[in-house]
Amino acid sequence: MAAKTSGVSPDKRRKYDEAFKVEALRLASESRSTQAAARELGISPKLLYRWQQAQVVAEVGSVEVARDPEVRALRAANKRLAQELDILKKALISCLL
């Protein structure tokens, strides 16, 4: 059975610059789903997950801390609270206008 070719040789990988990665991570953080964000950007969800993991490791300084379930739960709670705060700020501004 012949393998499908996408026109790109198997030894050549696409390179993404830092600006694209930063924008992809921003979009993923604002999106409800990392997979949906990856689909929108036309990249593999696994690649986006790897970038997210690298970002967390860079922020906390170690892979062990980044994978700690308590740290993950606290980061998720922090993200949710930040989103709620943004919603409340927008609601307050619209009430004042």
PDB file of N, CA and C in Angstrom:
ATOM      1  N   MET A   1       0.846  -1.179   0.000  1.00  0.00           N
ATOM      2  CA  MET A   1       0.000   0.000   0.000  1.00  0.00           C
ATOM      3  C   MET A   1       0.890   1.241   0.000  1.00  0.00           C
ATOM      4  N   ALA A   2       0.629   2.170  -0.856  1.00  0.00           N
ATOM      5  CA  ALA A   2       1.432   3.372  -0.973  1.00  0.00           C
ATOM      6  C   ALA A   2       1.023   4.390   0.075  1.00  0.00           C
ATOM      7  N   ALA A   3       2.004   5.088   0.610  1.00  0.00           N
ATOM      8  CA  ALA A   3       1.733   6.121   1.614  1.00  0.00           C
ATOM      9  C   ALA A   3       1.346   7.417   0.913  1.00  0.00           C
ATOM     10  N   LYS A   4       0.489   8.170   1.553  1.00  0.00           N
ATOM     11  CA  LYS A   4       0.097   9.465   0.991  1.00  0.00           C
ATOM     12  C   LYS A   4       1.245  10.453   1.155  1.00  0.00           C
ATOM     13  N   THR A   5       1.419  11.284   0.163  1.00  0.00           N
ATOM     14  CA  THR A   5       2.424  12.336   0.268  1.00  0.00           C
ATOM     15  C   THR A   5       1.721  13.668   0.201  1.00  0.00           C
ATOM     16  N   SER A   6       2.204  14.566   1.007  1.00  0.00           N
ATOM     17  CA  SER A   6       1.578  15.881   1.046  1.00  0.00           C
ATOM     18  C   SER A   6       2.357  16.910   0.233  1.00  0.00           C
ATOM     19  N   GLY A   7       3.328  16.445  -0.536  1.00  0.00           N
ATOM     20  CA  GLY A   7       4.102  17.382  -1.325  1.00  0.00           C
ATOM     21  C   GLY A   7       5.346  17.871  -0.601  1.00  0.00           C
ATOM     22  N   VAL A   8       5.478  17.529   0.684  1.00  0.00           N
ATOM     23  CA  VAL A   8       6.636  17.937   1.465  1.00  0.00           C
ATOM     24  C   VAL A   8       7.424  16.668   1.780  1.00  0.00           C
ATOM     25  N   SER A   9       8.726  16.716   1.579  1.00  0.00           N
ATOM     26  CA  SER A   9       9.522  15.532   1.864  1.00  0.00           C
ATOM     27  C   SER A   9       9.516  15.256   3.363  1.00  0.00           C
ATOM     28  N   PRO A  10       9.574  13.982   3.756  1.00  0.00           N
ATOM     29  CA  PRO A  10       9.424  13.622   5.160  1.00  0.00           C
ATOM     30  C   PRO A  10      10.512  14.177   6.078  1.00  0.00           C
ATOM     31  N   ASP A  11      11.687  14.513   5.533  1.00  0.00           N
ATOM     32  CA  ASP A  11      12.756  15.019   6.379  1.00  0.00           C
ATOM     33  C   ASP A  11      12.684  16.532   6.587  1.00  0.00           C
ATOM     34  N   LYS A  12      11.744  17.191   5.934  1.00  0.00           N
ATOM     35  CA  LYS A  12      11.597  18.646   6.093  1.00  0.00           C
ATOM     36  C   LYS A  12      10.406  18.946   6.973  1.00  0.00           C
ATOM     37  N   ARG A  13      10.655  19.617   8.064  1.00  0.00           N
ATOM     38  CA  ARG A  13       9.581  20.001   8.961  1.00  0.00           C
ATOM     39  C   ARG A  13       9.322  21.488   8.811  1.00  0.00           C
ATOM     40  N   ARG A  14       8.073  21.839   9.062  1.00  0.00           N
ATOM     41  CA  ARG A  14       7.724  23.258   9.020  1.00  0.00           C
ATOM     42  C   ARG A  14       8.315  23.947  10.230  1.00  0.00           C
ATOM     43  N   LYS A  15       8.858  25.104  10.040  1.00  0.00           N
ATOM     44  CA  LYS A  15       9.423  25.893  11.136  1.00  0.00           C
ATOM     45  C   LYS A  15       8.466  27.045  11.430  1.00  0.00           C
ATOM     46  N   TYR A  16       8.223  27.274  12.700  1.00  0.00           N
ATOM     47  CA  TYR A  16       7.345  28.367  13.122  1.00  0.00           C
ATOM     48  C   TYR A  16       8.169  29.370  13.907  1.00  0.00           C
ATOM     49  N   ASP A  17       8.014  30.641  13.582  1.00  0.00           N
ATOM     50  CA  ASP A  17       8.761  31.660  14.310  1.00  0.00           C
ATOM     51  C   ASP A  17       8.106  31.931  15.665  1.00  0.00           C
ATOM     52  N   GLU A  18       8.823  32.632  16.520  1.00  0.00           N
ATOM     53  CA  GLU A  18       8.343  32.906  17.878  1.00  0.00           C
ATOM     54  C   GLU A  18       7.052  33.714  17.880  1.00  0.00           C
ATOM     55  N   ALA A  19       6.904  34.635  16.940  1.00  0.00           N
ATOM     56  CA  ALA A  19       5.688  35.452  16.883  1.00  0.00           C
ATOM     57  C   ALA A  19       4.465  34.569  16.640  1.00  0.00           C
ATOM     58  N   PHE A  20       4.603  33.578  15.758  1.00  0.00           N
ATOM     59  CA  PHE A  20       3.493  32.665  15.487  1.00  0.00           C
ATOM     60  C   PHE A  20       3.178  31.842  16.732  1.00  0.00           C
ATOM     61  N   LYS A  21       4.219  31.348  17.415  1.00  0.00           N
ATOM     62  CA  LYS A  21       4.011  30.544  18.619  1.00  0.00           C
ATOM     63  C   LYS A  21       3.309  31.353  19.705  1.00  0.00           C
ATOM     64  N   VAL A  22       3.733  32.589  19.893  1.00  0.00           N
ATOM     65  CA  VAL A  22       3.119  33.448  20.911  1.00  0.00           C
ATOM     66  C   VAL A  22       1.646  33.682  20.583  1.00  0.00           C
ATOM     67  N   GLU A  23       1.364  33.961  19.328  1.00  0.00           N
ATOM     68  CA  GLU A  23      -0.021  34.187  18.911  1.00  0.00           C
ATOM     69  C   GLU A  23      -0.845  32.906  19.053  1.00  0.00           C
ATOM     70  N   ALA A  24      -0.259  31.767  18.715  1.00  0.00           N
ATOM     71  CA  ALA A  24      -0.956  30.488  18.853  1.00  0.00           C
ATOM     72  C   ALA A  24      -1.263  30.201  20.314  1.00  0.00           C
ATOM     73  N   LEU A  25      -0.324  30.454  21.203  1.00  0.00           N
ATOM     74  CA  LEU A  25      -0.541  30.227  22.635  1.00  0.00           C
ATOM     75  C   LEU A  25      -1.598  31.182  23.190  1.00  0.00           C
ATOM     76  N   ARG A  26      -1.608  32.426  22.686  1.00  0.00           N
ATOM     77  CA  ARG A  26      -2.629  33.379  23.123  1.00  0.00           C
ATOM     78  C   ARG A  26      -4.005  32.913  22.675  1.00  0.00           C
ATOM     79  N   LEU A  27      -4.104  32.488  21.432  1.00  0.00           N
ATOM     80  CA  LEU A  27      -5.374  32.009  20.903  1.00  0.00           C
ATOM     81  C   LEU A  27      -5.850  30.769  21.665  1.00  0.00           C
ATOM     82  N   ALA A  28      -4.934  29.864  21.960  1.00  0.00           N
ATOM     83  CA  ALA A  28      -5.295  28.651  22.705  1.00  0.00           C
ATOM     84  C   ALA A  28      -5.764  28.985  24.113  1.00  0.00           C
ATOM     85  N   SER A  29      -5.146  29.976  24.741  1.00  0.00           N
ATOM     86  CA  SER A  29      -5.552  30.334  26.102  1.00  0.00           C
ATOM     87  C   SER A  29      -6.919  31.011  26.118  1.00  0.00           C
ATOM     88  N   GLU A  30      -7.258  31.715  25.048  1.00  0.00           N
ATOM     89  CA  GLU A  30      -8.555  32.383  24.976  1.00  0.00           C
ATOM     90  C   GLU A  30      -9.657  31.455  24.474  1.00  0.00           C
ATOM     91  N   SER A  31      -9.265  30.366  23.839  1.00  0.00           N
ATOM     92  CA  SER A  31     -10.225  29.436  23.268  1.00  0.00           C
ATOM     93  C   SER A  31     -10.707  28.457  24.330  1.00  0.00           C
ATOM     94  N   ARG A  32     -11.893  27.903  24.113  1.00  0.00           N
ATOM     95  CA  ARG A  32     -12.407  26.881  25.028  1.00  0.00           C
ATOM     96  C   ARG A  32     -11.678  25.568  24.830  1.00  0.00           C
ATOM     97  N   SER A  33     -11.094  25.363  23.662  1.00  0.00           N
ATOM     98  CA  SER A  33     -10.480  24.083  23.325  1.00  0.00           C
ATOM     99  C   SER A  33      -9.151  24.308  22.604  1.00  0.00           C
ATOM    100  N   THR A  34      -8.117  23.650  23.102  1.00  0.00           N
ATOM    101  CA  THR A  34      -6.819  23.719  22.434  1.00  0.00           C
ATOM    102  C   THR A  34      -6.902  23.079  21.059  1.00  0.00           C
ATOM    103  N   GLN A  35      -7.680  22.008  20.956  1.00  0.00           N
ATOM    104  CA  GLN A  35      -7.822  21.347  19.660  1.00  0.00           C
ATOM    105  C   GLN A  35      -8.496  22.265  18.646  1.00  0.00           C
ATOM    106  N   ALA A  36      -9.503  23.009  19.077  1.00  0.00           N
ATOM    107  CA  ALA A  36     -10.176  23.937  18.170  1.00  0.00           C
ATOM    108  C   ALA A  36      -9.217  25.042  17.732  1.00  0.00           C
ATOM    109  N   ALA A  37      -8.407  25.535  18.660  1.00  0.00           N
ATOM    110  CA  ALA A  37      -7.437  26.571  18.318  1.00  0.00           C
ATOM    111  C   ALA A  37      -6.421  26.029  17.310  1.00  0.00           C
ATOM    112  N   ALA A  38      -5.962  24.791  17.516  1.00  0.00           N
ATOM    113  CA  ALA A  38      -5.000  24.184  16.592  1.00  0.00           C
ATOM    114  C   ALA A  38      -5.621  24.021  15.210  1.00  0.00           C
ATOM    115  N   ARG A  39      -6.885  23.578  15.169  1.00  0.00           N
ATOM    116  CA  ARG A  39      -7.585  23.423  13.895  1.00  0.00           C
ATOM    117  C   ARG A  39      -7.655  24.763  13.169  1.00  0.00           C
ATOM    118  N   GLU A  40      -7.987  25.819  13.914  1.00  0.00           N
ATOM    119  CA  GLU A  40      -8.109  27.152  13.313  1.00  0.00           C
ATOM    120  C   GLU A  40      -6.772  27.635  12.749  1.00  0.00           C
ATOM    121  N   LEU A  41      -5.681  27.266  13.423  1.00  0.00           N
ATOM    122  CA  LEU A  41      -4.355  27.689  12.979  1.00  0.00           C
ATOM    123  C   LEU A  41      -3.762  26.765  11.913  1.00  0.00           C
ATOM    124  N   GLY A  42      -4.377  25.604  11.719  1.00  0.00           N
ATOM    125  CA  GLY A  42      -3.878  24.654  10.738  1.00  0.00           C
ATOM    126  C   GLY A  42      -2.638  23.901  11.202  1.00  0.00           C
ATOM    127  N   ILE A  43      -2.527  23.697  12.522  1.00  0.00           N
ATOM    128  CA  ILE A  43      -1.390  22.949  13.058  1.00  0.00           C
ATOM    129  C   ILE A  43      -1.908  21.765  13.864  1.00  0.00           C
ATOM    130  N   SER A  44      -1.022  20.870  14.189  1.00  0.00           N
ATOM    131  CA  SER A  44      -1.379  19.684  14.958  1.00  0.00           C
ATOM    132  C   SER A  44      -1.683  20.060  16.415  1.00  0.00           C
ATOM    133  N   PRO A  45      -2.751  19.515  16.988  1.00  0.00           N
ATOM    134  CA  PRO A  45      -3.027  19.765  18.406  1.00  0.00           C
ATOM    135  C   PRO A  45      -1.872  19.326  19.307  1.00  0.00           C
ATOM    136  N   LYS A  46      -1.193  18.233  18.929  1.00  0.00           N
ATOM    137  CA  LYS A  46      -0.053  17.772  19.731  1.00  0.00           C
ATOM    138  C   LYS A  46       1.055  18.813  19.778  1.00  0.00           C
ATOM    139  N   LEU A  47       1.278  19.487  18.653  1.00  0.00           N
ATOM    140  CA  LEU A  47       2.297  20.528  18.602  1.00  0.00           C
ATOM    141  C   LEU A  47       1.916  21.685  19.528  1.00  0.00           C
ATOM    142  N   LEU A  48       0.656  22.078  19.489  1.00  0.00           N
ATOM    143  CA  LEU A  48       0.200  23.171  20.346  1.00  0.00           C
ATOM    144  C   LEU A  48       0.287  22.779  21.822  1.00  0.00           C
ATOM    145  N   TYR A  49      -0.055  21.534  22.146  1.00  0.00           N
ATOM    146  CA  TYR A  49       0.083  21.063  23.521  1.00  0.00           C
ATOM    147  C   TYR A  49       1.547  21.101  23.971  1.00  0.00           C
ATOM    148  N   ARG A  50       2.470  20.728  23.068  1.00  0.00           N
ATOM    149  CA  ARG A  50       3.901  20.778  23.415  1.00  0.00           C
ATOM    150  C   ARG A  50       4.342  22.205  23.688  1.00  0.00           C
ATOM    151  N   TRP A  51       3.867  23.158  22.864  1.00  0.00           N
ATOM    152  CA  TRP A  51       4.210  24.560  23.091  1.00  0.00           C
ATOM    153  C   TRP A  51       3.656  25.042  24.428  1.00  0.00           C
ATOM    154  N   GLN A  52       2.426  24.619  24.757  1.00  0.00           N
ATOM    155  CA  GLN A  52       1.832  25.003  26.039  1.00  0.00           C
ATOM    156  C   GLN A  52       2.657  24.448  27.197  1.00  0.00           C
ATOM    157  N   GLN A  53       3.064  23.190  27.087  1.00  0.00           N
ATOM    158  CA  GLN A  53       3.856  22.569  28.146  1.00  0.00           C
ATOM    159  C   GLN A  53       5.193  23.294  28.296  1.00  0.00           C
ATOM    160  N   ALA A  54       5.833  23.635  27.189  1.00  0.00           N
ATOM    161  CA  ALA A  54       7.106  24.359  27.234  1.00  0.00           C
ATOM    162  C   ALA A  54       6.919  25.721  27.885  1.00  0.00           C
ATOM    163  N   GLN A  55       5.788  26.382  27.611  1.00  0.00           N
ATOM    164  CA  GLN A  55       5.513  27.679  28.222  1.00  0.00           C
ATOM    165  C   GLN A  55       5.357  27.535  29.738  1.00  0.00           C
ATOM    166  N   VAL A  56       4.647  26.518  30.180  1.00  0.00           N
ATOM    167  CA  VAL A  56       4.457  26.294  31.620  1.00  0.00           C
ATOM    168  C   VAL A  56       5.794  26.003  32.285  1.00  0.00           C
ATOM    169  N   VAL A  57       6.601  25.159  31.664  1.00  0.00           N
ATOM    170  CA  VAL A  57       7.912  24.831  32.227  1.00  0.00           C
ATOM    171  C   VAL A  57       8.770  26.089  32.325  1.00  0.00           C
ATOM    172  N   ALA A  58       8.711  26.937  31.308  1.00  0.00           N
ATOM    173  CA  ALA A  58       9.485  28.182  31.337  1.00  0.00           C
ATOM    174  C   ALA A  58       9.006  29.098  32.459  1.00  0.00           C
ATOM    175  N   GLU A  59       7.705  29.105  32.723  1.00  0.00           N
ATOM    176  CA  GLU A  59       7.156  29.969  33.769  1.00  0.00           C
ATOM    177  C   GLU A  59       7.492  29.472  35.168  1.00  0.00           C
ATOM    178  N   VAL A  60       7.406  28.154  35.394  1.00  0.00           N
ATOM    179  CA  VAL A  60       7.618  27.629  36.744  1.00  0.00           C
ATOM    180  C   VAL A  60       9.036  27.151  36.972  1.00  0.00           C
ATOM    181  N   GLY A  61       9.793  26.915  35.918  1.00  0.00           N
ATOM    182  CA  GLY A  61      11.201  26.604  36.065  1.00  0.00           C
ATOM    183  C   GLY A  61      11.567  25.137  36.115  1.00  0.00           C
ATOM    184  N   SER A  62      10.596  24.222  36.160  1.00  0.00           N
ATOM    185  CA  SER A  62      10.952  22.808  36.210  1.00  0.00           C
ATOM    186  C   SER A  62       9.816  21.952  35.667  1.00  0.00           C
ATOM    187  N   VAL A  63      10.179  20.846  35.044  1.00  0.00           N
ATOM    188  CA  VAL A  63       9.187  19.939  34.479  1.00  0.00           C
ATOM    189  C   VAL A  63       8.368  19.289  35.587  1.00  0.00           C
ATOM    190  N   GLU A  64       9.029  18.945  36.707  1.00  0.00           N
ATOM    191  CA  GLU A  64       8.333  18.286  37.808  1.00  0.00           C
ATOM    192  C   GLU A  64       7.239  19.182  38.384  1.00  0.00           C
ATOM    193  N   VAL A  65       7.554  20.443  38.585  1.00  0.00           N
ATOM    194  CA  VAL A  65       6.563  21.384  39.120  1.00  0.00           C
ATOM    195  C   VAL A  65       5.443  21.588  38.120  1.00  0.00           C
ATOM    196  N   ALA A  66       5.785  21.673  36.834  1.00  0.00           N
ATOM    197  CA  ALA A  66       4.781  21.899  35.794  1.00  0.00           C
ATOM    198  C   ALA A  66       3.800  20.738  35.714  1.00  0.00           C
ATOM    199  N   ARG A  67       4.253  19.529  36.018  1.00  0.00           N
ATOM    200  CA  ARG A  67       3.386  18.349  35.936  1.00  0.00           C
ATOM    201  C   ARG A  67       2.680  18.031  37.241  1.00  0.00           C
ATOM    202  N   ASP A  68       2.986  18.755  38.298  1.00  0.00           N
ATOM    203  CA  ASP A  68       2.353  18.517  39.594  1.00  0.00           C
ATOM    204  C   ASP A  68       0.851  18.793  39.480  1.00  0.00           C
ATOM    205  N   PRO A  69       0.002  17.831  39.869  1.00  0.00           N
ATOM    206  CA  PRO A  69      -1.451  18.015  39.748  1.00  0.00           C
ATOM    207  C   PRO A  69      -1.978  19.230  40.514  1.00  0.00           C
ATOM    208  N   GLU A  70      -1.383  19.518  41.650  1.00  0.00           N
ATOM    209  CA  GLU A  70      -1.837  20.674  42.433  1.00  0.00           C
ATOM    210  C   GLU A  70      -1.532  21.978  41.695  1.00  0.00           C
ATOM    211  N   VAL A  71      -0.358  22.050  41.109  1.00  0.00           N
ATOM    212  CA  VAL A  71       0.022  23.240  40.344  1.00  0.00           C
ATOM    213  C   VAL A  71      -0.904  23.390  39.139  1.00  0.00           C
ATOM    214  N   ARG A  72      -1.198  22.284  38.473  1.00  0.00           N
ATOM    215  CA  ARG A  72      -2.100  22.332  37.314  1.00  0.00           C
ATOM    216  C   ARG A  72      -3.487  22.800  37.716  1.00  0.00           C
ATOM    217  N   ALA A  73      -3.980  22.301  38.854  1.00  0.00           N
ATOM    218  CA  ALA A  73      -5.308  22.702  39.326  1.00  0.00           C
ATOM    219  C   ALA A  73      -5.327  24.182  39.693  1.00  0.00           C
ATOM    220  N   LEU A  74      -4.273  24.650  40.336  1.00  0.00           N
ATOM    221  CA  LEU A  74      -4.200  26.064  40.712  1.00  0.00           C
ATOM    222  C   LEU A  74      -4.112  26.964  39.485  1.00  0.00           C
ATOM    223  N   ARG A  75      -3.359  26.540  38.479  1.00  0.00           N
ATOM    224  CA  ARG A  75      -3.262  27.327  37.244  1.00  0.00           C
ATOM    225  C   ARG A  75      -4.620  27.388  36.544  1.00  0.00           C
ATOM    226  N   ALA A  76      -5.346  26.261  36.524  1.00  0.00           N
ATOM    227  CA  ALA A  76      -6.671  26.247  35.894  1.00  0.00           C
ATOM    228  C   ALA A  76      -7.627  27.159  36.650  1.00  0.00           C
ATOM    229  N   ALA A  77      -7.583  27.114  37.979  1.00  0.00           N
ATOM    230  CA  ALA A  77      -8.443  27.984  38.786  1.00  0.00           C
ATOM    231  C   ALA A  77      -8.081  29.452  38.563  1.00  0.00           C
ATOM    232  N   ASN A  78      -6.799  29.732  38.476  1.00  0.00           N
ATOM    233  CA  ASN A  78      -6.346  31.099  38.237  1.00  0.00           C
ATOM    234  C   ASN A  78      -6.833  31.603  36.880  1.00  0.00           C
ATOM    235  N   LYS A  79      -6.757  30.760  35.867  1.00  0.00           N
ATOM    236  CA  LYS A  79      -7.221  31.133  34.531  1.00  0.00           C
ATOM    237  C   LYS A  79      -8.720  31.415  34.547  1.00  0.00           C
ATOM    238  N   ARG A  80      -9.483  30.538  35.219  1.00  0.00           N
ATOM    239  CA  ARG A  80     -10.938  30.720  35.295  1.00  0.00           C
ATOM    240  C   ARG A  80     -11.278  32.026  36.013  1.00  0.00           C
ATOM    241  N   LEU A  81     -10.599  32.307  37.115  1.00  0.00           N
ATOM    242  CA  LEU A  81     -10.858  33.538  37.864  1.00  0.00           C
ATOM    243  C   LEU A  81     -10.468  34.784  37.060  1.00  0.00           C
ATOM    244  N   ALA A  82      -9.395  34.695  36.300  1.00  0.00           N
ATOM    245  CA  ALA A  82      -8.999  35.821  35.455  1.00  0.00           C
ATOM    246  C   ALA A  82     -10.061  36.090  34.391  1.00  0.00           C
ATOM    247  N   GLN A  83     -10.636  35.027  33.827  1.00  0.00           N
ATOM    248  CA  GLN A  83     -11.697  35.193  32.833  1.00  0.00           C
ATOM    249  C   GLN A  83     -12.943  35.810  33.470  1.00  0.00           C
ATOM    250  N   GLU A  84     -13.283  35.354  34.676  1.00  0.00           N
ATOM    251  CA  GLU A  84     -14.435  35.917  35.378  1.00  0.00           C
ATOM    252  C   GLU A  84     -14.215  37.398  35.678  1.00  0.00           C
ATOM    253  N   LEU A  85     -12.993  37.747  36.072  1.00  0.00           N
ATOM    254  CA  LEU A  85     -12.677  39.144  36.352  1.00  0.00           C
ATOM    255  C   LEU A  85     -12.829  40.003  35.098  1.00  0.00           C
ATOM    256  N   ASP A  86     -12.362  39.501  33.968  1.00  0.00           N
ATOM    257  CA  ASP A  86     -12.515  40.230  32.704  1.00  0.00           C
ATOM    258  C   ASP A  86     -13.987  40.453  32.366  1.00  0.00           C
ATOM    259  N   ILE A  87     -14.800  39.420  32.582  1.00  0.00           N
ATOM    260  CA  ILE A  87     -16.234  39.536  32.309  1.00  0.00           C
ATOM    261  C   ILE A  87     -16.861  40.588  33.209  1.00  0.00           C
ATOM    262  N   LEU A  88     -16.499  40.561  34.487  1.00  0.00           N
ATOM    263  CA  LEU A  88     -17.054  41.542  35.427  1.00  0.00           C
ATOM    264  C   LEU A  88     -16.608  42.964  35.100  1.00  0.00           C
ATOM    265  N   LYS A  89     -15.361  43.121  34.685  1.00  0.00           N
ATOM    266  CA  LYS A  89     -14.875  44.456  34.293  1.00  0.00           C
ATOM    267  C   LYS A  89     -15.663  44.984  33.105  1.00  0.00           C
ATOM    268  N   LYS A  90     -15.889  44.132  32.110  1.00  0.00           N
ATOM    269  CA  LYS A  90     -16.654  44.550  30.932  1.00  0.00           C
ATOM    270  C   LYS A  90     -18.087  44.898  31.305  1.00  0.00           C
ATOM    271  N   ALA A  91     -18.674  44.119  32.193  1.00  0.00           N
ATOM    272  CA  ALA A  91     -20.048  44.390  32.638  1.00  0.00           C
ATOM    273  C   ALA A  91     -20.102  45.714  33.389  1.00  0.00           C
ATOM    274  N   LEU A  92     -19.120  45.989  34.234  1.00  0.00           N
ATOM    275  CA  LEU A  92     -19.091  47.232  34.995  1.00  0.00           C
ATOM    276  C   LEU A  92     -18.950  48.427  34.067  1.00  0.00           C
ATOM    277  N   ILE A  93     -18.089  48.298  33.088  1.00  0.00           N
ATOM    278  CA  ILE A  93     -17.886  49.403  32.132  1.00  0.00           C
ATOM    279  C   ILE A  93     -19.171  49.674  31.357  1.00  0.00           C
ATOM    280  N   SER A  94     -19.865  48.603  30.931  1.00  0.00           N
ATOM    281  CA  SER A  94     -21.088  48.817  30.164  1.00  0.00           C
ATOM    282  C   SER A  94     -22.187  49.413  31.043  1.00  0.00           C
ATOM    283  N   CYS A  95     -22.176  49.125  32.336  1.00  0.00           N
ATOM    284  CA  CYS A  95     -23.173  49.714  33.248  1.00  0.00           C
ATOM    285  C   CYS A  95     -22.893  51.192  33.478  1.00  0.00           C
ATOM    286  N   LEU A  96     -21.632  51.573  33.503  1.00  0.00           N
ATOM    287  CA  LEU A  96     -21.258  52.962  33.761  1.00  0.00           C
ATOM    288  C   LEU A  96     -21.468  53.860  32.547  1.00  0.00           C
ATOM    289  N   LEU A  97     -21.506  53.286  31.385  1.00  0.00           N
ATOM    290  CA  LEU A  97     -21.670  54.089  30.170  1.00  0.00           C
ATOM    291  C   LEU A  97     -23.090  54.403  29.927  1.00  0.00           C
TER     292      LEU A  97
END
